[in-house]
Amino acid sequence: MKNKSRKYLLIVAATLYTTDSKQNIKHIEGKIKISNDSLFFIATSKTNRLYKLQIPIQSIFDVIKKNSLGFIPNILIFKTQQGDYKFAVYAREQVVHLVTQLQNKE
């Protein structure tokens, strides 16, 4: 029996900023995929290709928009009880709009 395929509402290129055990900042290239109930980050680079992250939409209690280099509007920070997730995203406004819409839907 086949599993039902997950339908994504939006897929955008993104970079996840995270720290490793030595407090070094890592940049992981990948894609953000948003479904009806979760936001997924799936790495696309060969060195981090097994890196996957799932954030339930309802666990996001704040979305902060920032600029990189002081003027490029592409940084998103998702605040959850588990921690903060910082991304550089190409289509920031689309992501914020969809996440807000999905949060208000439920």
C-alpha atoms as a PDB file:
ATOM      1  CA  MET A   1       0.000   0.000   0.000  1.00  0.00           C
ATOM      2  CA  LYS A   2       1.390   3.373  -0.982  1.00  0.00           C
ATOM      3  CA  ASN A   3       1.575   6.261   1.421  1.00  0.00           C
ATOM      4  CA  LYS A   4      -0.347   9.318   0.407  1.00  0.00           C
ATOM      5  CA  SER A   5       2.067  11.910  -0.944  1.00  0.00           C
ATOM      6  CA  ARG A   6       2.375  15.120   1.027  1.00  0.00           C
ATOM      7  CA  LYS A   7       1.133  18.182  -0.814  1.00  0.00           C
ATOM      8  CA  TYR A   8       3.211  21.287  -0.286  1.00  0.00           C
ATOM      9  CA  LEU A   9       1.558  24.678  -0.530  1.00  0.00           C
ATOM     10  CA  LEU A  10       4.830  26.560  -1.031  1.00  0.00           C
ATOM     11  CA  ILE A  11       8.438  25.583  -1.760  1.00  0.00           C
ATOM     12  CA  VAL A  12      11.194  28.228  -1.565  1.00  0.00           C
ATOM     13  CA  ALA A  13      14.982  28.191  -1.478  1.00  0.00           C
ATOM     14  CA  ALA A  14      16.423  28.992   1.938  1.00  0.00           C
ATOM     15  CA  THR A  15      19.535  28.944   4.097  1.00  0.00           C
ATOM     16  CA  LEU A  16      19.301  27.763   7.700  1.00  0.00           C
ATOM     17  CA  TYR A  17      21.642  29.423  10.193  1.00  0.00           C
ATOM     18  CA  THR A  18      22.449  27.076  13.064  1.00  0.00           C
ATOM     19  CA  THR A  19      25.226  26.550  15.602  1.00  0.00           C
ATOM     20  CA  ASP A  20      27.104  23.307  16.128  1.00  0.00           C
ATOM     21  CA  SER A  21      28.363  21.841  19.410  1.00  0.00           C
ATOM     22  CA  LYS A  22      31.429  24.127  19.334  1.00  0.00           C
ATOM     23  CA  GLN A  23      29.227  27.231  18.915  1.00  0.00           C
ATOM     24  CA  ASN A  24      30.355  27.715  15.312  1.00  0.00           C
ATOM     25  CA  ILE A  25      27.722  29.160  13.011  1.00  0.00           C
ATOM     26  CA  LYS A  26      26.780  26.821  10.166  1.00  0.00           C
ATOM     27  CA  HIS A  27      24.975  27.758   6.973  1.00  0.00           C
ATOM     28  CA  ILE A  28      22.919  24.918   5.528  1.00  0.00           C
ATOM     29  CA  GLU A  29      21.524  25.419   2.028  1.00  0.00           C
ATOM     30  CA  GLY A  30      18.147  23.856   1.315  1.00  0.00           C
ATOM     31  CA  LYS A  31      14.461  24.401   0.728  1.00  0.00           C
ATOM     32  CA  ILE A  32      11.557  25.346   2.942  1.00  0.00           C
ATOM     33  CA  LYS A  33       8.463  23.327   2.122  1.00  0.00           C
ATOM     34  CA  ILE A  34       5.185  24.318   3.757  1.00  0.00           C
ATOM     35  CA  SER A  35       2.269  21.912   4.078  1.00  0.00           C
ATOM     36  CA  ASN A  36      -1.088  22.439   5.802  1.00  0.00           C
ATOM     37  CA  ASP A  37       0.301  21.545   9.228  1.00  0.00           C
ATOM     38  CA  SER A  38       4.112  21.843   9.158  1.00  0.00           C
ATOM     39  CA  LEU A  39       7.057  23.794   7.852  1.00  0.00           C
ATOM     40  CA  PHE A  40       9.866  21.535   6.616  1.00  0.00           C
ATOM     41  CA  PHE A  41      13.475  22.433   5.910  1.00  0.00           C
ATOM     42  CA  ILE A  42      15.289  19.904   3.742  1.00  0.00           C
ATOM     43  CA  ALA A  43      18.990  20.403   3.024  1.00  0.00           C
ATOM     44  CA  THR A  44      20.127  20.207  -0.588  1.00  0.00           C
ATOM     45  CA  SER A  45      23.899  20.537  -0.217  1.00  0.00           C
ATOM     46  CA  LYS A  46      25.922  17.345  -0.548  1.00  0.00           C
ATOM     47  CA  THR A  47      27.645  17.719   2.819  1.00  0.00           C
ATOM     48  CA  ASN A  48      24.402  18.208   4.767  1.00  0.00           C
ATOM     49  CA  ARG A  49      21.967  16.284   2.571  1.00  0.00           C
ATOM     50  CA  LEU A  50      20.629  14.218   5.474  1.00  0.00           C
ATOM     51  CA  TYR A  51      19.692  17.323   7.481  1.00  0.00           C
ATOM     52  CA  LYS A  52      15.919  17.665   7.824  1.00  0.00           C
ATOM     53  CA  LEU A  53      13.869  19.828  10.149  1.00  0.00           C
ATOM     54  CA  GLN A  54      10.125  19.842  10.818  1.00  0.00           C
ATOM     55  CA  ILE A  55       8.381  22.689  12.632  1.00  0.00           C
ATOM     56  CA  PRO A  56       4.641  22.278  13.299  1.00  0.00           C
ATOM     57  CA  ILE A  57       2.804  25.445  12.210  1.00  0.00           C
ATOM     58  CA  GLN A  58       0.887  25.649  15.492  1.00  0.00           C
ATOM     59  CA  SER A  59       4.126  25.609  17.532  1.00  0.00           C
ATOM     60  CA  ILE A  60       5.294  28.868  15.896  1.00  0.00           C
ATOM     61  CA  PHE A  61       4.296  31.709  18.205  1.00  0.00           C
ATOM     62  CA  ASP A  62       6.207  34.558  16.563  1.00  0.00           C
ATOM     63  CA  VAL A  63       7.731  35.362  13.178  1.00  0.00           C
ATOM     64  CA  ILE A  64      10.375  38.085  13.085  1.00  0.00           C
ATOM     65  CA  LYS A  65      11.485  39.744   9.849  1.00  0.00           C
ATOM     66  CA  LYS A  66      15.010  41.165   9.619  1.00  0.00           C
ATOM     67  CA  ASN A  67      17.386  42.451   6.973  1.00  0.00           C
ATOM     68  CA  SER A  68      20.746  40.947   6.119  1.00  0.00           C
ATOM     69  CA  LEU A  69      23.617  43.392   5.562  1.00  0.00           C
ATOM     70  CA  GLY A  70      21.277  46.048   6.928  1.00  0.00           C
ATOM     71  CA  PHE A  71      19.210  46.474   3.766  1.00  0.00           C
ATOM     72  CA  ILE A  72      18.376  43.101   2.123  1.00  0.00           C
ATOM     73  CA  PRO A  73      14.908  42.012   3.369  1.00  0.00           C
ATOM     74  CA  ASN A  74      15.406  38.253   3.472  1.00  0.00           C
ATOM     75  CA  ILE A  75      15.830  37.032   7.078  1.00  0.00           C
ATOM     76  CA  LEU A  76      13.031  35.186   8.898  1.00  0.00           C
ATOM     77  CA  ILE A  77      13.200  33.990  12.495  1.00  0.00           C
ATOM     78  CA  PHE A  78      10.561  31.496  13.626  1.00  0.00           C
ATOM     79  CA  LYS A  79      10.170  31.444  17.417  1.00  0.00           C
ATOM     80  CA  THR A  80       8.892  28.235  19.008  1.00  0.00           C
ATOM     81  CA  GLN A  81       9.014  26.783  22.506  1.00  0.00           C
ATOM     82  CA  GLN A  82      11.791  24.437  21.314  1.00  0.00           C
ATOM     83  CA  GLY A  83      13.943  27.376  20.172  1.00  0.00           C
ATOM     84  CA  ASP A  84      14.476  29.904  17.416  1.00  0.00           C
ATOM     85  CA  TYR A  85      15.053  28.980  13.774  1.00  0.00           C
ATOM     86  CA  LYS A  86      16.761  31.565  11.571  1.00  0.00           C
ATOM     87  CA  PHE A  87      16.490  31.395   7.785  1.00  0.00           C
ATOM     88  CA  ALA A  88      17.543  33.522   4.834  1.00  0.00           C
ATOM     89  CA  VAL A  89      14.621  33.204   2.420  1.00  0.00           C
ATOM     90  CA  TYR A  90      14.102  34.463  -1.116  1.00  0.00           C
ATOM     91  CA  ALA A  91      10.305  34.999  -0.922  1.00  0.00           C
ATOM     92  CA  ARG A  92       9.998  36.221   2.666  1.00  0.00           C
ATOM     93  CA  GLU A  93       6.602  37.891   2.390  1.00  0.00           C
ATOM     94  CA  GLN A  94       5.007  34.827   0.774  1.00  0.00           C
ATOM     95  CA  VAL A  95       6.275  32.598   3.591  1.00  0.00           C
ATOM     96  CA  VAL A  96       5.060  34.970   6.327  1.00  0.00           C
ATOM     97  CA  HIS A  97       1.660  35.368   4.682  1.00  0.00           C
ATOM     98  CA  LEU A  98       1.139  31.612   4.272  1.00  0.00           C
ATOM     99  CA  VAL A  99       2.288  30.731   7.814  1.00  0.00           C
ATOM    100  CA  THR A 100       0.023  33.419   9.287  1.00  0.00           C
ATOM    101  CA  GLN A 101      -2.891  32.227   7.162  1.00  0.00           C
ATOM    102  CA  LEU A 102      -2.386  28.597   8.261  1.00  0.00           C
ATOM    103  CA  GLN A 103      -2.136  29.601  11.935  1.00  0.00           C
ATOM    104  CA  ASN A 104      -5.399  31.543  11.767  1.00  0.00           C
ATOM    105  CA  LYS A 105      -7.121  28.705   9.909  1.00  0.00           C
ATOM    106  CA  GLU A 106      -6.901  26.268  12.830  1.00  0.00           C
END
